[in-house]
Each structure stands twice: as structure tokens, then as C-alpha cells.
Amino acid sequence: MTSISRDISNKLSPFLVTALRELKKITDGLNLDLFIMGATARDILFEHLNGIPAPRMTRDVDIAVCVAGWEEFRRLTDAMPASGVFLQGDRDQRFVSGDIILDIIPFGGISGR
């Protein structure tokens, strides 16, 4: 099997890389899957992987997290500020780390409830 993964961490903001690594530690500890979506995902694909300029229109980073229900989502959103890396934002799903704003978007089993 051929790996097509490329390390682009040196092309991204070091603050974004730190925030994503810390979030990944939290979600791994809770056995949750996540992926980057929205404008940040577009920017990574266009600019950092293919060299195509993509104008940045938003400042937030949308992160989809697969959760079974609201209790699991609450465990995640409680763990983020408890980590000492993230501050609670102005909405339940919004967190701030330095100048990085993360919006946590739940999907999975939670959508059926």
C-alpha cells in the first residue's frame, strides 16, 4: 500500500498546528473521530497541497466530531477548557486558543436524536 499522506504542518500557522494537535489529543482520549471541514479544509487542499490561492473569508476553523449523543458532545466540550489550551468562546461549540477560533460541529449518532 502506498501512503499519500504529506506533512504540511510547516506550511500552516504554528498556532493552528498546536491547536489541532491539542484537540486531537483530547478527541483521542475520548475515542472520538474528527476532521477539518469548511474554509480551512479548502485552504489546505488548494493552497498547501496544490499551490492554488484560496482567499480566506472567515477566521474560524470548523471541526466535525463524530459523537453518539449530547452527553458525549458535552464530555468533549468540557474537556477542551479543562485542558488549559482552550477557552470557552461566545457559543457552546466555540473555543479559542490564542488567535485560533475553533467551532466544533457534532455529527454521527447525535443527529438522530
PDB file of N, CA and C in Angstrom:
ATOM      1  N   MET A   1       0.837  -1.169   0.000  1.00  0.00           N
ATOM      2  CA  MET A   1       0.000   0.000   0.000  1.00  0.00           C
ATOM      3  C   MET A   1       0.890   1.242   0.000  1.00  0.00           C
ATOM      4  N   THR A   2       0.534   2.204  -0.793  1.00  0.00           N
ATOM      5  CA  THR A   2       1.293   3.432  -0.898  1.00  0.00           C
ATOM      6  C   THR A   2       0.639   4.515  -0.056  1.00  0.00           C
ATOM      7  N   SER A   3       1.431   5.174   0.744  1.00  0.00           N
ATOM      8  CA  SER A   3       0.919   6.274   1.566  1.00  0.00           C
ATOM      9  C   SER A   3       0.928   7.555   0.745  1.00  0.00           C
ATOM     10  N   ILE A   4      -0.165   8.285   0.796  1.00  0.00           N
ATOM     11  CA  ILE A   4      -0.224   9.569   0.098  1.00  0.00           C
ATOM     12  C   ILE A   4      -0.270  10.733   1.079  1.00  0.00           C
ATOM     13  N   SER A   5      -0.049  10.443   2.349  1.00  0.00           N
ATOM     14  CA  SER A   5      -0.052  11.492   3.361  1.00  0.00           C
ATOM     15  C   SER A   5       1.173  12.379   3.194  1.00  0.00           C
ATOM     16  N   ARG A   6       0.950  13.671   3.362  1.00  0.00           N
ATOM     17  CA  ARG A   6       2.059  14.622   3.320  1.00  0.00           C
ATOM     18  C   ARG A   6       1.994  15.499   4.560  1.00  0.00           C
ATOM     19  N   ASP A   7       3.140  15.762   5.146  1.00  0.00           N
ATOM     20  CA  ASP A   7       3.210  16.631   6.317  1.00  0.00           C
ATOM     21  C   ASP A   7       3.262  18.073   5.837  1.00  0.00           C
ATOM     22  N   ILE A   8       2.193  18.810   6.093  1.00  0.00           N
ATOM     23  CA  ILE A   8       2.143  20.228   5.706  1.00  0.00           C
ATOM     24  C   ILE A   8       2.156  21.128   6.932  1.00  0.00           C
ATOM     25  N   SER A   9       2.484  20.556   8.092  1.00  0.00           N
ATOM     26  CA  SER A   9       2.438  21.336   9.330  1.00  0.00           C
ATOM     27  C   SER A   9       3.355  22.555   9.272  1.00  0.00           C
ATOM     28  N   ASN A  10       4.431  22.486   8.490  1.00  0.00           N
ATOM     29  CA  ASN A  10       5.334  23.635   8.380  1.00  0.00           C
ATOM     30  C   ASN A  10       4.769  24.730   7.477  1.00  0.00           C
ATOM     31  N   LYS A  11       3.669  24.454   6.780  1.00  0.00           N
ATOM     32  CA  LYS A  11       3.044  25.451   5.915  1.00  0.00           C
ATOM     33  C   LYS A  11       1.876  26.157   6.596  1.00  0.00           C
ATOM     34  N   LEU A  12       1.403  25.600   7.690  1.00  0.00           N
ATOM     35  CA  LEU A  12       0.263  26.170   8.413  1.00  0.00           C
ATOM     36  C   LEU A  12       0.753  27.051   9.552  1.00  0.00           C
ATOM     37  N   SER A  13      -0.137  27.891  10.031  1.00  0.00           N
ATOM     38  CA  SER A  13       0.179  28.702  11.201  1.00  0.00           C
ATOM     39  C   SER A  13       0.593  27.785  12.352  1.00  0.00           C
ATOM     40  N   PRO A  14       1.692  28.091  13.038  1.00  0.00           N
ATOM     41  CA  PRO A  14       2.085  27.238  14.167  1.00  0.00           C
ATOM     42  C   PRO A  14       1.014  27.226  15.261  1.00  0.00           C
ATOM     43  N   PHE A  15       0.236  28.295  15.361  1.00  0.00           N
ATOM     44  CA  PHE A  15      -0.842  28.345  16.355  1.00  0.00           C
ATOM     45  C   PHE A  15      -1.951  27.367  15.975  1.00  0.00           C
ATOM     46  N   LEU A  16      -2.249  27.279  14.673  1.00  0.00           N
ATOM     47  CA  LEU A  16      -3.255  26.335  14.204  1.00  0.00           C
ATOM     48  C   LEU A  16      -2.777  24.906  14.421  1.00  0.00           C
ATOM     49  N   VAL A  17      -1.529  24.633  14.099  1.00  0.00           N
ATOM     50  CA  VAL A  17      -0.977  23.288  14.283  1.00  0.00           C
ATOM     51  C   VAL A  17      -1.052  22.892  15.755  1.00  0.00           C
ATOM     52  N   THR A  18      -0.676  23.791  16.649  1.00  0.00           N
ATOM     53  CA  THR A  18      -0.726  23.499  18.086  1.00  0.00           C
ATOM     54  C   THR A  18      -2.157  23.231  18.532  1.00  0.00           C
ATOM     55  N   ALA A  19      -3.098  24.076  18.105  1.00  0.00           N
ATOM     56  CA  ALA A  19      -4.499  23.893  18.498  1.00  0.00           C
ATOM     57  C   ALA A  19      -5.037  22.563  17.987  1.00  0.00           C
ATOM     58  N   LEU A  20      -4.730  22.212  16.736  1.00  0.00           N
ATOM     59  CA  LEU A  20      -5.224  20.958  16.177  1.00  0.00           C
ATOM     60  C   LEU A  20      -4.593  19.748  16.872  1.00  0.00           C
ATOM     61  N   ARG A  21      -3.312  19.834  17.185  1.00  0.00           N
ATOM     62  CA  ARG A  21      -2.659  18.727  17.897  1.00  0.00           C
ATOM     63  C   ARG A  21      -3.267  18.534  19.277  1.00  0.00           C
ATOM     64  N   GLU A  22      -3.524  19.632  19.968  1.00  0.00           N
ATOM     65  CA  GLU A  22      -4.122  19.542  21.302  1.00  0.00           C
ATOM     66  C   GLU A  22      -5.541  18.997  21.233  1.00  0.00           C
ATOM     67  N   LEU A  23      -6.314  19.445  20.255  1.00  0.00           N
ATOM     68  CA  LEU A  23      -7.666  18.922  20.085  1.00  0.00           C
ATOM     69  C   LEU A  23      -7.621  17.430  19.772  1.00  0.00           C
ATOM     70  N   LYS A  24      -6.684  17.017  18.938  1.00  0.00           N
ATOM     71  CA  LYS A  24      -6.549  15.598  18.592  1.00  0.00           C
ATOM     72  C   LYS A  24      -6.235  14.765  19.830  1.00  0.00           C
ATOM     73  N   LYS A  25      -5.405  15.275  20.722  1.00  0.00           N
ATOM     74  CA  LYS A  25      -5.120  14.560  21.975  1.00  0.00           C
ATOM     75  C   LYS A  25      -6.397  14.355  22.779  1.00  0.00           C
ATOM     76  N   ILE A  26      -7.217  15.401  22.844  1.00  0.00           N
ATOM     77  CA  ILE A  26      -8.467  15.321  23.610  1.00  0.00           C
ATOM     78  C   ILE A  26      -9.418  14.318  22.967  1.00  0.00           C
ATOM     79  N   THR A  27      -9.612  14.417  21.650  1.00  0.00           N
ATOM     80  CA  THR A  27     -10.549  13.502  20.989  1.00  0.00           C
ATOM     81  C   THR A  27     -10.035  12.065  21.013  1.00  0.00           C
ATOM     82  N   ASP A  28      -8.738  11.872  20.913  1.00  0.00           N
ATOM     83  CA  ASP A  28      -8.182  10.517  21.026  1.00  0.00           C
ATOM     84  C   ASP A  28      -8.480   9.946  22.415  1.00  0.00           C
ATOM     85  N   GLY A  29      -8.324  10.777  23.445  1.00  0.00           N
ATOM     86  CA  GLY A  29      -8.599  10.341  24.816  1.00  0.00           C
ATOM     87  C   GLY A  29     -10.056   9.977  25.039  1.00  0.00           C
ATOM     88  N   LEU A  30     -10.948  10.572  24.265  1.00  0.00           N
ATOM     89  CA  LEU A  30     -12.376  10.278  24.362  1.00  0.00           C
ATOM     90  C   LEU A  30     -12.833   9.276  23.299  1.00  0.00           C
ATOM     91  N   ASN A  31     -11.876   8.788  22.507  1.00  0.00           N
ATOM     92  CA  ASN A  31     -12.149   7.837  21.426  1.00  0.00           C
ATOM     93  C   ASN A  31     -13.149   8.400  20.414  1.00  0.00           C
ATOM     94  N   LEU A  32     -12.910   9.640  19.996  1.00  0.00           N
ATOM     95  CA  LEU A  32     -13.770  10.319  19.030  1.00  0.00           C
ATOM     96  C   LEU A  32     -12.989  10.603  17.753  1.00  0.00           C
ATOM     97  N   ASP A  33     -13.660  10.494  16.619  1.00  0.00           N
ATOM     98  CA  ASP A  33     -13.061  10.829  15.331  1.00  0.00           C
ATOM     99  C   ASP A  33     -13.400  12.266  14.969  1.00  0.00           C
ATOM    100  N   LEU A  34     -12.487  12.914  14.264  1.00  0.00           N
ATOM    101  CA  LEU A  34     -12.711  14.291  13.842  1.00  0.00           C
ATOM    102  C   LEU A  34     -12.122  14.521  12.473  1.00  0.00           C
ATOM    103  N   PHE A  35     -12.594  15.583  11.818  1.00  0.00           N
ATOM    104  CA  PHE A  35     -11.956  16.038  10.587  1.00  0.00           C
ATOM    105  C   PHE A  35     -12.168  17.537  10.440  1.00  0.00           C
ATOM    106  N   ILE A  36     -11.250  18.170   9.724  1.00  0.00           N
ATOM    107  CA  ILE A  36     -11.341  19.597   9.429  1.00  0.00           C
ATOM    108  C   ILE A  36     -12.283  19.757   8.252  1.00  0.00           C
ATOM    109  N   MET A  37     -13.170  20.751   8.336  1.00  0.00           N
ATOM    110  CA  MET A  37     -14.092  21.000   7.241  1.00  0.00           C
ATOM    111  C   MET A  37     -14.171  22.501   6.982  1.00  0.00           C
ATOM    112  N   GLY A  38     -14.961  22.904   6.031  1.00  0.00           N
ATOM    113  CA  GLY A  38     -15.179  24.322   5.759  1.00  0.00           C
ATOM    114  C   GLY A  38     -14.000  24.966   5.046  1.00  0.00           C
ATOM    115  N   ALA A  39     -13.864  26.273   5.260  1.00  0.00           N
ATOM    116  CA  ALA A  39     -12.862  27.067   4.538  1.00  0.00           C
ATOM    117  C   ALA A  39     -11.436  26.614   4.832  1.00  0.00           C
ATOM    118  N   THR A  40     -11.164  26.189   6.052  1.00  0.00           N
ATOM    119  CA  THR A  40      -9.807  25.743   6.371  1.00  0.00           C
ATOM    120  C   THR A  40      -9.455  24.493   5.585  1.00  0.00           C
ATOM    121  N   ALA A  41     -10.402  23.566   5.462  1.00  0.00           N
ATOM    122  CA  ALA A  41     -10.156  22.361   4.656  1.00  0.00           C
ATOM    123  C   ALA A  41      -9.891  22.744   3.209  1.00  0.00           C
ATOM    124  N   ARG A  42     -10.690  23.679   2.688  1.00  0.00           N
ATOM    125  CA  ARG A  42     -10.489  24.156   1.312  1.00  0.00           C
ATOM    126  C   ARG A  42      -9.094  24.766   1.160  1.00  0.00           C
ATOM    127  N   ASP A  43      -8.725  25.622   2.104  1.00  0.00           N
ATOM    128  CA  ASP A  43      -7.420  26.273   2.039  1.00  0.00           C
ATOM    129  C   ASP A  43      -6.280  25.267   2.052  1.00  0.00           C
ATOM    130  N   ILE A  44      -6.393  24.264   2.895  1.00  0.00           N
ATOM    131  CA  ILE A  44      -5.349  23.233   2.959  1.00  0.00           C
ATOM    132  C   ILE A  44      -5.238  22.515   1.624  1.00  0.00           C
ATOM    133  N   LEU A  45      -6.370  22.099   1.076  1.00  0.00           N
ATOM    134  CA  LEU A  45      -6.351  21.376  -0.204  1.00  0.00           C
ATOM    135  C   LEU A  45      -5.848  22.246  -1.343  1.00  0.00           C
ATOM    136  N   PHE A  46      -6.362  23.455  -1.434  1.00  0.00           N
ATOM    137  CA  PHE A  46      -5.980  24.326  -2.542  1.00  0.00           C
ATOM    138  C   PHE A  46      -4.560  24.849  -2.382  1.00  0.00           C
ATOM    139  N   GLU A  47      -4.342  25.623  -1.339  1.00  0.00           N
ATOM    140  CA  GLU A  47      -3.070  26.341  -1.187  1.00  0.00           C
ATOM    141  C   GLU A  47      -1.907  25.442  -0.809  1.00  0.00           C
ATOM    142  N   HIS A  48      -2.078  24.693   0.282  1.00  0.00           N
ATOM    143  CA  HIS A  48      -0.943  23.990   0.860  1.00  0.00           C
ATOM    144  C   HIS A  48      -0.615  22.672   0.171  1.00  0.00           C
ATOM    145  N   LEU A  49      -1.581  22.089  -0.501  1.00  0.00           N
ATOM    146  CA  LEU A  49      -1.308  20.841  -1.206  1.00  0.00           C
ATOM    147  C   LEU A  49      -1.158  21.032  -2.712  1.00  0.00           C
ATOM    148  N   ASN A  50      -1.824  22.067  -3.268  1.00  0.00           N
ATOM    149  CA  ASN A  50      -1.824  22.233  -4.718  1.00  0.00           C
ATOM    150  C   ASN A  50      -1.335  23.590  -5.213  1.00  0.00           C
ATOM    151  N   GLY A  51      -0.990  24.490  -4.307  1.00  0.00           N
ATOM    152  CA  GLY A  51      -0.453  25.783  -4.707  1.00  0.00           C
ATOM    153  C   GLY A  51      -1.448  26.714  -5.377  1.00  0.00           C
ATOM    154  N   ILE A  52      -2.740  26.498  -5.157  1.00  0.00           N
ATOM    155  CA  ILE A  52      -3.780  27.346  -5.744  1.00  0.00           C
ATOM    156  C   ILE A  52      -4.253  28.338  -4.687  1.00  0.00           C
ATOM    157  N   PRO A  53      -4.096  29.644  -4.911  1.00  0.00           N
ATOM    158  CA  PRO A  53      -4.528  30.621  -3.898  1.00  0.00           C
ATOM    159  C   PRO A  53      -6.029  30.511  -3.613  1.00  0.00           C
ATOM    160  N   ALA A  54      -6.357  30.541  -2.330  1.00  0.00           N
ATOM    161  CA  ALA A  54      -7.759  30.495  -1.889  1.00  0.00           C
ATOM    162  C   ALA A  54      -7.960  31.634  -0.897  1.00  0.00           C
ATOM    163  N   PRO A  55      -8.744  32.633  -1.270  1.00  0.00           N
ATOM    164  CA  PRO A  55      -8.923  33.773  -0.358  1.00  0.00           C
ATOM    165  C   PRO A  55      -9.640  33.359   0.913  1.00  0.00           C
ATOM    166  N   ARG A  56      -9.105  33.770   2.036  1.00  0.00           N
ATOM    167  CA  ARG A  56      -9.672  33.425   3.349  1.00  0.00           C
ATOM    168  C   ARG A  56     -10.777  34.409   3.677  1.00  0.00           C
ATOM    169  N   MET A  57     -11.999  33.888   3.865  1.00  0.00           N
ATOM    170  CA  MET A  57     -13.149  34.745   4.143  1.00  0.00           C
ATOM    171  C   MET A  57     -13.568  34.699   5.618  1.00  0.00           C
ATOM    172  N   THR A  58     -13.211  33.631   6.319  1.00  0.00           N
ATOM    173  CA  THR A  58     -13.609  33.502   7.721  1.00  0.00           C
ATOM    174  C   THR A  58     -12.380  33.247   8.567  1.00  0.00           C
ATOM    175  N   ARG A  59     -12.491  33.547   9.853  1.00  0.00           N
ATOM    176  CA  ARG A  59     -11.376  33.347  10.772  1.00  0.00           C
ATOM    177  C   ARG A  59     -11.489  32.049  11.555  1.00  0.00           C
ATOM    178  N   ASP A  60     -12.686  31.478  11.609  1.00  0.00           N
ATOM    179  CA  ASP A  60     -12.867  30.280  12.423  1.00  0.00           C
ATOM    180  C   ASP A  60     -12.460  29.024  11.661  1.00  0.00           C
ATOM    181  N   VAL A  61     -12.166  27.988  12.432  1.00  0.00           N
ATOM    182  CA  VAL A  61     -11.817  26.689  11.879  1.00  0.00           C
ATOM    183  C   VAL A  61     -12.938  25.736  12.285  1.00  0.00           C
ATOM    184  N   ASP A  62     -13.606  25.148  11.296  1.00  0.00           N
ATOM    185  CA  ASP A  62     -14.700  24.225  11.566  1.00  0.00           C
ATOM    186  C   ASP A  62     -14.155  22.815  11.695  1.00  0.00           C
ATOM    187  N   ILE A  63     -14.479  22.180  12.816  1.00  0.00           N
ATOM    188  CA  ILE A  63     -14.033  20.823  13.093  1.00  0.00           C
ATOM    189  C   ILE A  63     -15.261  19.953  13.314  1.00  0.00           C
ATOM    190  N   ALA A  64     -15.429  18.924  12.493  1.00  0.00           N
ATOM    191  CA  ALA A  64     -16.526  17.973  12.671  1.00  0.00           C
ATOM    192  C   ALA A  64     -16.043  16.858  13.588  1.00  0.00           C
ATOM    193  N   VAL A  65     -16.858  16.533  14.593  1.00  0.00           N
ATOM    194  CA  VAL A  65     -16.510  15.476  15.534  1.00  0.00           C
ATOM    195  C   VAL A  65     -17.678  14.492  15.603  1.00  0.00           C
ATOM    196  N   CYS A  66     -17.371  13.213  15.414  1.00  0.00           N
ATOM    197  CA  CYS A  66     -18.385  12.164  15.444  1.00  0.00           C
ATOM    198  C   CYS A  66     -18.690  11.795  16.894  1.00  0.00           C
ATOM    199  N   VAL A  67     -19.925  12.072  17.328  1.00  0.00           N
ATOM    200  CA  VAL A  67     -20.349  11.762  18.692  1.00  0.00           C
ATOM    201  C   VAL A  67     -21.673  11.002  18.642  1.00  0.00           C
ATOM    202  N   ALA A  68     -21.867  10.132  19.630  1.00  0.00           N
ATOM    203  CA  ALA A  68     -23.077   9.316  19.679  1.00  0.00           C
ATOM    204  C   ALA A  68     -24.285  10.121  20.141  1.00  0.00           C
ATOM    205  N   GLY A  69     -24.062  11.090  21.014  1.00  0.00           N
ATOM    206  CA  GLY A  69     -25.176  11.856  21.565  1.00  0.00           C
ATOM    207  C   GLY A  69     -24.685  13.099  22.282  1.00  0.00           C
ATOM    208  N   TRP A  70     -25.632  13.808  22.889  1.00  0.00           N
ATOM    209  CA  TRP A  70     -25.296  15.077  23.547  1.00  0.00           C
ATOM    210  C   TRP A  70     -24.401  14.887  24.762  1.00  0.00           C
ATOM    211  N   GLU A  71     -24.523  13.765  25.454  1.00  0.00           N
ATOM    212  CA  GLU A  71     -23.664  13.524  26.621  1.00  0.00           C
ATOM    213  C   GLU A  71     -22.199  13.404  26.185  1.00  0.00           C
ATOM    214  N   GLU A  72     -21.958  12.704  25.093  1.00  0.00           N
ATOM    215  CA  GLU A  72     -20.604  12.562  24.581  1.00  0.00           C
ATOM    216  C   GLU A  72     -20.070  13.908  24.076  1.00  0.00           C
ATOM    217  N   PHE A  73     -20.927  14.679  23.416  1.00  0.00           N
ATOM    218  CA  PHE A  73     -20.528  16.005  22.961  1.00  0.00           C
ATOM    219  C   PHE A  73     -20.163  16.893  24.156  1.00  0.00           C
ATOM    220  N   ARG A  74     -20.946  16.804  25.241  1.00  0.00           N
ATOM    221  CA  ARG A  74     -20.677  17.599  26.446  1.00  0.00           C
ATOM    222  C   ARG A  74     -19.350  17.186  27.079  1.00  0.00           C
ATOM    223  N   ARG A  75     -19.025  15.888  27.065  1.00  0.00           N
ATOM    224  CA  ARG A  75     -17.725  15.456  27.600  1.00  0.00           C
ATOM    225  C   ARG A  75     -16.581  16.117  26.822  1.00  0.00           C
ATOM    226  N   LEU A  76     -16.745  16.187  25.507  1.00  0.00           N
ATOM    227  CA  LEU A  76     -15.732  16.849  24.674  1.00  0.00           C
ATOM    228  C   LEU A  76     -15.649  18.331  24.999  1.00  0.00           C
ATOM    229  N   THR A  77     -16.784  19.010  25.019  1.00  0.00           N
ATOM    230  CA  THR A  77     -16.763  20.459  25.236  1.00  0.00           C
ATOM    231  C   THR A  77     -16.358  20.818  26.667  1.00  0.00           C
ATOM    232  N   ASP A  78     -16.511  19.903  27.607  1.00  0.00           N
ATOM    233  CA  ASP A  78     -15.997  20.124  28.966  1.00  0.00           C
ATOM    234  C   ASP A  78     -14.488  19.893  29.021  1.00  0.00           C
ATOM    235  N   ALA A  79     -14.013  18.915  28.253  1.00  0.00           N
ATOM    236  CA  ALA A  79     -12.587  18.566  28.269  1.00  0.00           C
ATOM    237  C   ALA A  79     -11.723  19.637  27.626  1.00  0.00           C
ATOM    238  N   MET A  80     -12.275  20.371  26.689  1.00  0.00           N
ATOM    239  CA  MET A  80     -11.454  21.358  25.978  1.00  0.00           C
ATOM    240  C   MET A  80     -10.952  22.463  26.909  1.00  0.00           C
ATOM    241  N   PRO A  81     -11.809  23.179  27.640  1.00  0.00           N
ATOM    242  CA  PRO A  81     -11.267  24.191  28.556  1.00  0.00           C
ATOM    243  C   PRO A  81     -10.497  23.571  29.726  1.00  0.00           C
ATOM    244  N   ALA A  82     -10.871  22.362  30.128  1.00  0.00           N
ATOM    245  CA  ALA A  82     -10.163  21.688  31.215  1.00  0.00           C
ATOM    246  C   ALA A  82      -8.719  21.375  30.829  1.00  0.00           C
ATOM    247  N   SER A  83      -8.430  21.319  29.537  1.00  0.00           N
ATOM    248  CA  SER A  83      -7.075  21.026  29.059  1.00  0.00           C
ATOM    249  C   SER A  83      -6.103  22.170  29.340  1.00  0.00           C
ATOM    250  N   GLY A  84      -6.660  23.362  29.549  1.00  0.00           N
ATOM    251  CA  GLY A  84      -5.807  24.531  29.741  1.00  0.00           C
ATOM    252  C   GLY A  84      -5.346  25.164  28.441  1.00  0.00           C
ATOM    253  N   VAL A  85      -5.705  24.568  27.314  1.00  0.00           N
ATOM    254  CA  VAL A  85      -5.294  25.066  26.000  1.00  0.00           C
ATOM    255  C   VAL A  85      -6.389  25.916  25.368  1.00  0.00           C
ATOM    256  N   PHE A  86      -7.643  25.575  25.644  1.00  0.00           N
ATOM    257  CA  PHE A  86      -8.776  26.234  25.004  1.00  0.00           C
ATOM    258  C   PHE A  86      -9.608  27.009  26.016  1.00  0.00           C
ATOM    259  N   LEU A  87     -10.079  28.157  25.593  1.00  0.00           N
ATOM    260  CA  LEU A  87     -11.043  28.937  26.367  1.00  0.00           C
ATOM    261  C   LEU A  87     -12.405  28.782  25.721  1.00  0.00           C
ATOM    262  N   GLN A  88     -13.448  28.783  26.540  1.00  0.00           N
ATOM    263  CA  GLN A  88     -14.807  28.733  26.009  1.00  0.00           C
ATOM    264  C   GLN A  88     -15.071  30.012  25.240  1.00  0.00           C
ATOM    265  N   GLY A  89     -15.660  29.893  24.065  1.00  0.00           N
ATOM    266  CA  GLY A  89     -15.996  31.052  23.252  1.00  0.00           C
ATOM    267  C   GLY A  89     -17.365  31.593  23.602  1.00  0.00           C
ATOM    268  N   ASP A  90     -17.904  32.382  22.694  1.00  0.00           N
ATOM    269  CA  ASP A  90     -19.190  33.028  22.934  1.00  0.00           C
ATOM    270  C   ASP A  90     -20.384  32.131  22.611  1.00  0.00           C
ATOM    271  N   ARG A  91     -20.138  30.894  22.185  1.00  0.00           N
ATOM    272  CA  ARG A  91     -21.179  29.905  21.907  1.00  0.00           C
ATOM    273  C   ARG A  91     -20.739  28.574  22.490  1.00  0.00           C
ATOM    274  N   ASP A  92     -21.694  27.680  22.716  1.00  0.00           N
ATOM    275  CA  ASP A  92     -21.369  26.379  23.313  1.00  0.00           C
ATOM    276  C   ASP A  92     -20.335  25.593  22.522  1.00  0.00           C
ATOM    277  N   GLN A  93     -20.368  25.703  21.202  1.00  0.00           N
ATOM    278  CA  GLN A  93     -19.485  24.899  20.356  1.00  0.00           C
ATOM    279  C   GLN A  93     -18.221  25.644  19.944  1.00  0.00           C
ATOM    280  N   ARG A  94     -18.029  26.865  20.434  1.00  0.00           N
ATOM    281  CA  ARG A  94     -16.883  27.674  20.012  1.00  0.00           C
ATOM    282  C   ARG A  94     -15.812  27.729  21.103  1.00  0.00           C
ATOM    283  N   PHE A  95     -14.558  27.533  20.674  1.00  0.00           N
ATOM    284  CA  PHE A  95     -13.420  27.560  21.594  1.00  0.00           C
ATOM    285  C   PHE A  95     -12.296  28.376  20.970  1.00  0.00           C
ATOM    286  N   VAL A  96     -11.492  28.973  21.831  1.00  0.00           N
ATOM    287  CA  VAL A  96     -10.420  29.854  21.385  1.00  0.00           C
ATOM    288  C   VAL A  96      -9.100  29.367  21.982  1.00  0.00           C
ATOM    289  N   SER A  97      -8.070  29.363  21.147  1.00  0.00           N
ATOM    290  CA  SER A  97      -6.717  29.053  21.593  1.00  0.00           C
ATOM    291  C   SER A  97      -5.800  30.068  20.922  1.00  0.00           C
ATOM    292  N   GLY A  98      -5.316  31.045  21.678  1.00  0.00           N
ATOM    293  CA  GLY A  98      -4.536  32.125  21.086  1.00  0.00           C
ATOM    294  C   GLY A  98      -5.401  32.898  20.117  1.00  0.00           C
ATOM    295  N   ASP A  99      -4.971  32.986  18.859  1.00  0.00           N
ATOM    296  CA  ASP A  99      -5.785  33.684  17.859  1.00  0.00           C
ATOM    297  C   ASP A  99      -6.589  32.715  16.991  1.00  0.00           C
ATOM    298  N   ILE A 100      -6.637  31.443  17.396  1.00  0.00           N
ATOM    299  CA  ILE A 100      -7.373  30.415  16.661  1.00  0.00           C
ATOM    300  C   ILE A 100      -8.759  30.232  17.275  1.00  0.00           C
ATOM    301  N   ILE A 101      -9.779  30.292  16.429  1.00  0.00           N
ATOM    302  CA  ILE A 101     -11.160  30.065  16.851  1.00  0.00           C
ATOM    303  C   ILE A 101     -11.614  28.740  16.247  1.00  0.00           C
ATOM    304  N   LEU A 102     -11.993  27.807  17.104  1.00  0.00           N
ATOM    305  CA  LEU A 102     -12.474  26.509  16.645  1.00  0.00           C
ATOM    306  C   LEU A 102     -13.973  26.406  16.886  1.00  0.00           C
ATOM    307  N   ASP A 103     -14.720  26.022  15.864  1.00  0.00           N
ATOM    308  CA  ASP A 103     -16.128  25.689  16.005  1.00  0.00           C
ATOM    309  C   ASP A 103     -16.248  24.177  15.895  1.00  0.00           C
ATOM    310  N   ILE A 104     -16.763  23.556  16.938  1.00  0.00           N
ATOM    311  CA  ILE A 104     -16.911  22.102  16.980  1.00  0.00           C
ATOM    312  C   ILE A 104     -18.315  21.750  16.492  1.00  0.00           C
ATOM    313  N   ILE A 105     -18.383  20.999  15.395  1.00  0.00           N
ATOM    314  CA  ILE A 105     -19.654  20.632  14.765  1.00  0.00           C
ATOM    315  C   ILE A 105     -19.891  19.145  15.005  1.00  0.00           C
ATOM    316  N   PRO A 106     -20.891  18.787  15.827  1.00  0.00           N
ATOM    317  CA  PRO A 106     -21.147  17.375  16.077  1.00  0.00           C
ATOM    318  C   PRO A 106     -21.873  16.708  14.899  1.00  0.00           C
ATOM    319  N   PHE A 107     -21.503  15.448  14.643  1.00  0.00           N
ATOM    320  CA  PHE A 107     -22.240  14.654  13.643  1.00  0.00           C
ATOM    321  C   PHE A 107     -22.216  13.209  14.119  1.00  0.00           C
ATOM    322  N   GLY A 108     -22.898  12.349  13.428  1.00  0.00           N
ATOM    323  CA  GLY A 108     -22.951  10.950  13.788  1.00  0.00           C
ATOM    324  C   GLY A 108     -24.262  10.627  14.471  1.00  0.00           C
ATOM    325  N   GLY A 109     -24.220   9.762  15.470  1.00  0.00           N
ATOM    326  CA  GLY A 109     -25.416   9.344  16.178  1.00  0.00           C
ATOM    327  C   GLY A 109     -26.201  10.484  16.773  1.00  0.00           C
ATOM    328  N   ILE A 110     -25.539  11.563  17.104  1.00  0.00           N
ATOM    329  CA  ILE A 110     -26.186  12.734  17.690  1.00  0.00           C
ATOM    330  C   ILE A 110     -27.263  13.300  16.760  1.00  0.00           C
ATOM    331  N   SER A 111     -27.082  13.145  15.464  1.00  0.00           N
ATOM    332  CA  SER A 111     -28.015  13.739  14.511  1.00  0.00           C
ATOM    333  C   SER A 111     -29.373  13.051  14.496  1.00  0.00           C
ATOM    334  N   GLY A 112     -29.435  11.836  15.017  1.00  0.00           N
ATOM    335  CA  GLY A 112     -30.688  11.107  15.044  1.00  0.00           C
ATOM    336  C   GLY A 112     -31.517  11.345  16.283  1.00  0.00           C
ATOM    337  N   ARG A 113     -31.048  12.211  17.168  1.00  0.00           N
ATOM    338  CA  ARG A 113     -31.751  12.439  18.446  1.00  0.00           C
ATOM    339  C   ARG A 113     -32.309  13.813  18.527  1.00  0.00           C
TER     340      ARG A 113
END
